[in-house]
Amino acid sequence: MKNILKQLFSFILPVTVLIIVPMAIENNRSVTNLRQALEGFVFVGIGLWMMIVTIRSFIRKGKGTLAPWNPTHKLIISGLYAYVRSPMIIGVILVLLGESLIFLSFNIFVWAMFFFIINNIWFAVYEEPDLEKKFGEEYKEYKKQVHRWIPRLHPYKPGRNSQK
């Protein structure tokens, strides 16, 4: 029961970022262009899929959640993480970009860019150094081989020193 509560509380962050903040900054919540809305739903769909896959990896493989107060206990370098180090945040940004298209919202677009910048700083200053301390050489090698934002063409496999 305690673990389930931790998992449920971990959804506070994505709900805030994807729903509460966009609703607070955007007054116009009507869809005004069907083509752009459909394109936006494609972004939202891909982003939500990435988030679901990542959250499932956090729980099943990492034995934790996406929340900093209940982090993973094992390094995840498979699944989407074999291609890019930040699939969860890429998923969130895709959802936000989709929302900005659906609602033709410059405000949500600016929020997406701000969220990206803040996460880039957070990763460089806190999260990646913390992961290096926690997982040592295994994480350092992974970090050398897998980019934070640009996906690899082939999945990372530990022990290989080059990207194909």
Foldseek 3Di string as FASTA:
>chain_A
DVQVVQQVVLCVVLCCLQPVVVPVQDPQQAFDDPVLLVVLVVLLVVLVVLQVVVQVCQVPVQVFGPDPVTGGLDDDCDDQNQWAPASNLSSSLSNLVSSCSRRVNPRSPVSSVVSVVVVVCCCVPPVLVVCCVNVNPVSVQSPVAHYHPGTAPDGHDPPDNHGD
